[in-house]
C-alpha atoms as a PDB file:
ATOM      1  CA  UNK A   1     -50.655 -19.518  -5.217  1.00  0.00           C
ATOM      2  CA  UNK A   2     -53.915 -20.175  -3.927  1.00  0.00           C
ATOM      3  CA  UNK A   3     -54.165 -20.823  -0.190  1.00  0.00           C
ATOM      4  CA  UNK A   4     -58.109 -22.253   0.139  1.00  0.00           C
ATOM      5  CA  UNK A   5     -58.904 -21.087   4.303  1.00  0.00           C
ATOM      6  CA  UNK A   6     -62.876 -21.387   5.540  1.00  0.00           C
ATOM      7  CA  UNK A   7     -64.840 -18.490   6.215  1.00  0.00           C
ATOM      8  CA  UNK A   8     -63.380 -19.414   9.910  1.00  0.00           C
ATOM      9  CA  UNK A   9     -60.116 -19.874   9.205  1.00  0.00           C
ATOM     10  CA  UNK A  10     -60.775 -16.638   7.004  1.00  0.00           C
ATOM     11  CA  UNK A  11     -61.546 -15.419  10.431  1.00  0.00           C
ATOM     12  CA  UNK A  12     -58.252 -16.031  12.834  1.00  0.00           C
ATOM     13  CA  UNK A  13     -56.607 -15.119   9.453  1.00  0.00           C
ATOM     14  CA  UNK A  14     -58.444 -11.395   9.849  1.00  0.00           C
ATOM     15  CA  UNK A  15     -58.401 -11.234  13.620  1.00  0.00           C
ATOM     16  CA  UNK A  16     -53.784 -12.166  13.269  1.00  0.00           C
ATOM     17  CA  UNK A  17     -53.060  -9.730  11.175  1.00  0.00           C
ATOM     18  CA  UNK A  18     -55.335  -6.832  12.520  1.00  0.00           C
ATOM     19  CA  UNK A  19     -53.314  -8.085  15.927  1.00  0.00           C
ATOM     20  CA  UNK A  20     -50.144  -7.452  13.907  1.00  0.00           C
ATOM     21  CA  UNK A  21     -50.826  -4.563  12.328  1.00  0.00           C
ATOM     22  CA  UNK A  22     -52.056  -3.159  15.880  1.00  0.00           C
ATOM     23  CA  UNK A  23     -47.959  -4.704  17.425  1.00  0.00           C
ATOM     24  CA  UNK A  24     -46.611  -2.603  14.312  1.00  0.00           C
ATOM     25  CA  UNK A  25     -48.129   0.328  14.918  1.00  0.00           C
ATOM     26  CA  UNK A  26     -50.080   1.218  17.725  1.00  0.00           C
ATOM     27  CA  UNK A  27     -46.878   3.741  19.450  1.00  0.00           C
ATOM     28  CA  UNK A  28     -46.617   5.178  15.842  1.00  0.00           C
ATOM     29  CA  UNK A  29     -48.340   7.652  14.374  1.00  0.00           C
ATOM     30  CA  UNK A  30     -47.172   7.685  11.046  1.00  0.00           C
ATOM     31  CA  UNK A  31     -45.764   3.671   9.597  1.00  0.00           C
ATOM     32  CA  UNK A  32     -42.223   3.875   8.364  1.00  0.00           C
ATOM     33  CA  UNK A  33     -40.943   1.248   5.443  1.00  0.00           C
ATOM     34  CA  UNK A  34     -41.056  -1.179   7.280  1.00  0.00           C
ATOM     35  CA  UNK A  35     -43.660  -1.749   8.428  1.00  0.00           C
ATOM     36  CA  UNK A  36     -45.851  -0.156   5.546  1.00  0.00           C
ATOM     37  CA  UNK A  37     -45.187  -3.151   4.080  1.00  0.00           C
ATOM     38  CA  UNK A  38     -46.949  -5.681   6.778  1.00  0.00           C
ATOM     39  CA  UNK A  39     -49.843  -2.576   7.085  1.00  0.00           C
ATOM     40  CA  UNK A  40     -50.485  -3.950   2.892  1.00  0.00           C
ATOM     41  CA  UNK A  41     -50.608  -6.791   3.753  1.00  0.00           C
ATOM     42  CA  UNK A  42     -53.029  -6.556   6.490  1.00  0.00           C
ATOM     43  CA  UNK A  43     -55.342  -3.709   4.058  1.00  0.00           C
ATOM     44  CA  UNK A  44     -55.750  -6.687   1.227  1.00  0.00           C
ATOM     45  CA  UNK A  45     -56.766  -9.244   3.505  1.00  0.00           C
ATOM     46  CA  UNK A  46     -58.960  -7.323   5.038  1.00  0.00           C
ATOM     47  CA  UNK A  47     -60.409  -6.304   0.851  1.00  0.00           C
ATOM     48  CA  UNK A  48     -61.559 -10.405   1.068  1.00  0.00           C
ATOM     49  CA  UNK A  49     -64.232  -9.776   4.450  1.00  0.00           C
ATOM     50  CA  UNK A  50     -67.088 -10.207   2.260  1.00  0.00           C
ATOM     51  CA  UNK A  51     -66.613 -12.003  -0.294  1.00  0.00           C
ATOM     52  CA  UNK A  52     -65.481 -14.847   3.288  1.00  0.00           C
ATOM     53  CA  UNK A  53     -69.090 -13.493   4.821  1.00  0.00           C
ATOM     54  CA  UNK A  54     -67.336 -12.051   7.634  1.00  0.00           C
ATOM     55  CA  UNK A  55     -67.610  -7.739   5.312  1.00  0.00           C
ATOM     56  CA  UNK A  56     -69.538  -7.538   9.681  1.00  0.00           C
ATOM     57  CA  UNK A  57     -65.799  -7.511  10.790  1.00  0.00           C
ATOM     58  CA  UNK A  58     -64.234  -4.735   8.254  1.00  0.00           C
ATOM     59  CA  UNK A  59     -65.538  -1.238   7.529  1.00  0.00           C
ATOM     60  CA  UNK A  60     -64.311   0.970   4.276  1.00  0.00           C
ATOM     61  CA  UNK A  61     -63.152   4.460   6.655  1.00  0.00           C
ATOM     62  CA  UNK A  62     -63.383   7.318   3.688  1.00  0.00           C
ATOM     63  CA  UNK A  63     -61.047   9.284   6.106  1.00  0.00           C
ATOM     64  CA  UNK A  64     -58.169   7.205   5.706  1.00  0.00           C
ATOM     65  CA  UNK A  65     -59.117   5.468   2.637  1.00  0.00           C
ATOM     66  CA  UNK A  66     -58.343   2.283   4.762  1.00  0.00           C
ATOM     67  CA  UNK A  67     -60.421  -0.881   5.742  1.00  0.00           C
ATOM     68  CA  UNK A  68     -59.821  -0.898   9.676  1.00  0.00           C
ATOM     69  CA  UNK A  69     -62.208  -3.589  11.972  1.00  0.00           C
ATOM     70  CA  UNK A  70     -65.580  -2.272  12.658  1.00  0.00           C
ATOM     71  CA  UNK A  71     -66.788  -1.991  16.407  1.00  0.00           C
ATOM     72  CA  UNK A  72     -68.253  -5.728  16.498  1.00  0.00           C
ATOM     73  CA  UNK A  73     -64.589  -6.801  15.813  1.00  0.00           C
ATOM     74  CA  UNK A  74     -63.568  -5.551  18.531  1.00  0.00           C
ATOM     75  CA  UNK A  75     -66.299  -6.763  20.403  1.00  0.00           C
ATOM     76  CA  UNK A  76     -66.374 -10.317  18.414  1.00  0.00           C
ATOM     77  CA  UNK A  77     -63.411 -11.988  18.033  1.00  0.00           C
ATOM     78  CA  UNK A  78     -61.256 -12.902  21.264  1.00  0.00           C
ATOM     79  CA  UNK A  79     -57.304 -11.883  19.993  1.00  0.00           C
ATOM     80  CA  UNK A  80     -58.413  -7.971  21.357  1.00  0.00           C
ATOM     81  CA  UNK A  81     -57.809 -10.584  24.465  1.00  0.00           C
ATOM     82  CA  UNK A  82     -54.527 -12.053  23.871  1.00  0.00           C
ATOM     83  CA  UNK A  83     -53.360  -8.349  23.382  1.00  0.00           C
ATOM     84  CA  UNK A  84     -54.408  -7.442  26.546  1.00  0.00           C
ATOM     85  CA  UNK A  85     -52.486 -10.180  28.525  1.00  0.00           C
ATOM     86  CA  UNK A  86     -49.587  -9.735  26.550  1.00  0.00           C
ATOM     87  CA  UNK A  87     -49.240  -5.922  27.463  1.00  0.00           C
ATOM     88  CA  UNK A  88     -50.429  -6.656  30.888  1.00  0.00           C
ATOM     89  CA  UNK A  89     -47.735  -8.562  31.567  1.00  0.00           C
ATOM     90  CA  UNK A  90     -45.017  -6.995  29.351  1.00  0.00           C
ATOM     91  CA  UNK A  91     -46.167  -4.167  31.858  1.00  0.00           C
ATOM     92  CA  UNK A  92     -45.330  -6.759  34.715  1.00  0.00           C
ATOM     93  CA  UNK A  93     -41.517  -7.979  33.442  1.00  0.00           C
ATOM     94  CA  UNK A  94     -40.332  -4.751  32.457  1.00  0.00           C
ATOM     95  CA  UNK A  95     -40.950  -2.469  35.029  1.00  0.00           C
ATOM     96  CA  UNK A  96     -39.442  -5.428  37.470  1.00  0.00           C
ATOM     97  CA  UNK A  97     -36.351  -5.425  34.438  1.00  0.00           C
ATOM     98  CA  UNK A  98     -35.369  -2.581  35.322  1.00  0.00           C
ATOM     99  CA  UNK A  99     -36.399  -2.353  38.044  1.00  0.00           C
ATOM    100  CA  UNK A 100     -33.909  -5.156  38.898  1.00  0.00           C
ATOM    101  CA  UNK A 101     -30.751  -3.610  36.646  1.00  0.00           C
ATOM    102  CA  UNK A 102     -30.801   0.168  38.544  1.00  0.00           C
ATOM    103  CA  UNK A 103     -30.652  -1.595  41.295  1.00  0.00           C
ATOM    104  CA  UNK A 104     -28.304  -4.126  40.083  1.00  0.00           C
ATOM    105  CA  UNK A 105     -25.945  -1.086  39.622  1.00  0.00           C
ATOM    106  CA  UNK A 106     -26.619   0.221  41.417  1.00  0.00           C
ATOM    107  CA  UNK A 107     -25.085  -1.689  44.678  1.00  0.00           C
ATOM    108  CA  UNK A 108     -22.207  -2.564  42.878  1.00  0.00           C
ATOM    109  CA  UNK A 109     -20.918  -0.567  40.701  1.00  0.00           C
ATOM    110  CA  UNK A 110     -21.507  -0.298  36.631  1.00  0.00           C
ATOM    111  CA  UNK A 111     -17.392  -2.217  36.819  1.00  0.00           C
ATOM    112  CA  UNK A 112     -18.124  -4.486  39.188  1.00  0.00           C
ATOM    113  CA  UNK A 113     -21.615  -5.389  36.832  1.00  0.00           C
ATOM    114  CA  UNK A 114     -19.134  -5.935  33.727  1.00  0.00           C
ATOM    115  CA  UNK A 115     -16.994  -7.839  34.933  1.00  0.00           C
ATOM    116  CA  UNK A 116     -19.422 -10.449  35.933  1.00  0.00           C
ATOM    117  CA  UNK A 117     -19.638 -13.430  34.405  1.00  0.00           C
ATOM    118  CA  UNK A 118     -23.487 -15.101  32.978  1.00  0.00           C
ATOM    119  CA  UNK A 119     -23.512 -16.651  35.872  1.00  0.00           C
ATOM    120  CA  UNK A 120     -23.123 -14.204  38.775  1.00  0.00           C
ATOM    121  CA  UNK A 121     -25.041 -11.243  36.196  1.00  0.00           C
ATOM    122  CA  UNK A 122     -28.355 -13.752  37.520  1.00  0.00           C
ATOM    123  CA  UNK A 123     -27.892 -14.647  40.321  1.00  0.00           C
ATOM    124  CA  UNK A 124     -27.348 -11.364  41.759  1.00  0.00           C
ATOM    125  CA  UNK A 125     -30.025 -10.337  39.138  1.00  0.00           C
ATOM    126  CA  UNK A 126     -32.427 -12.911  40.165  1.00  0.00           C
ATOM    127  CA  UNK A 127     -32.254 -11.617  43.481  1.00  0.00           C
ATOM    128  CA  UNK A 128     -33.067  -8.303  43.390  1.00  0.00           C
ATOM    129  CA  UNK A 129     -35.792  -9.651  40.547  1.00  0.00           C
ATOM    130  CA  UNK A 130     -37.484 -11.223  43.712  1.00  0.00           C
ATOM    131  CA  UNK A 131     -37.994  -9.066  45.495  1.00  0.00           C
ATOM    132  CA  UNK A 132     -40.217  -7.143  42.963  1.00  0.00           C
ATOM    133  CA  UNK A 133     -41.574 -10.080  41.602  1.00  0.00           C
ATOM    134  CA  UNK A 134     -42.811 -10.083  45.497  1.00  0.00           C
ATOM    135  CA  UNK A 135     -43.419  -7.048  46.381  1.00  0.00           C
ATOM    136  CA  UNK A 136     -46.259  -6.160  43.818  1.00  0.00           C
ATOM    137  CA  UNK A 137     -47.967 -10.275  43.326  1.00  0.00           C
ATOM    138  CA  UNK A 138     -48.684  -9.510  46.951  1.00  0.00           C
ATOM    139  CA  UNK A 139     -49.211  -5.238  46.139  1.00  0.00           C
ATOM    140  CA  UNK A 140     -49.184  -4.031  42.355  1.00  0.00           C
ATOM    141  CA  UNK A 141     -48.350  -0.678  42.097  1.00  0.00           C
ATOM    142  CA  UNK A 142     -49.780   0.361  45.683  1.00  0.00           C
ATOM    143  CA  UNK A 143     -46.372   0.548  46.519  1.00  0.00           C
ATOM    144  CA  UNK A 144     -44.365   2.557  44.109  1.00  0.00           C
ATOM    145  CA  UNK A 145     -44.045   6.567  45.574  1.00  0.00           C
ATOM    146  CA  UNK A 146     -42.367   8.691  43.688  1.00  0.00           C
ATOM    147  CA  UNK A 147     -41.420  11.402  46.963  1.00  0.00           C
ATOM    148  CA  UNK A 148     -41.689  15.417  46.073  1.00  0.00           C
ATOM    149  CA  UNK A 149     -44.000  13.772  42.922  1.00  0.00           C
ATOM    150  CA  UNK A 150     -47.472  13.303  44.684  1.00  0.00           C
ATOM    151  CA  UNK A 151     -47.187  12.556  49.067  1.00  0.00           C
ATOM    152  CA  UNK A 152     -48.532   9.682  50.748  1.00  0.00           C
END
């Protein structure tokens, strides 16, 4: 099979596979077999950078014996902003969800929560979520205090 790409399309593909590789591997020191197959495809795509006149976006790392995004890649590509936006949104969503679930279980107890039907569960959880959504929208993390760790 042969896929034809313009130079601009190749750059977009390069950005997408580097973004995906970041998601697959950012918090892992070593790649397992499941992640390695994705990294292999990324390396293959990166190896064509010079052919598509995008060699400035990729460099060979002698130490790791692999292609890596260049400094220019991080300066030039727009997908980096998508990652930052995704991580920021994920942080707030996870914080709100985990606090709401904690409060839901603390308020009703595990047995009662497990007995709730879907409608009742989502309504109750939503009340806790809304409280945190409003607080974080207004104050960010300013009012998160851990007694005993740091005094306000």
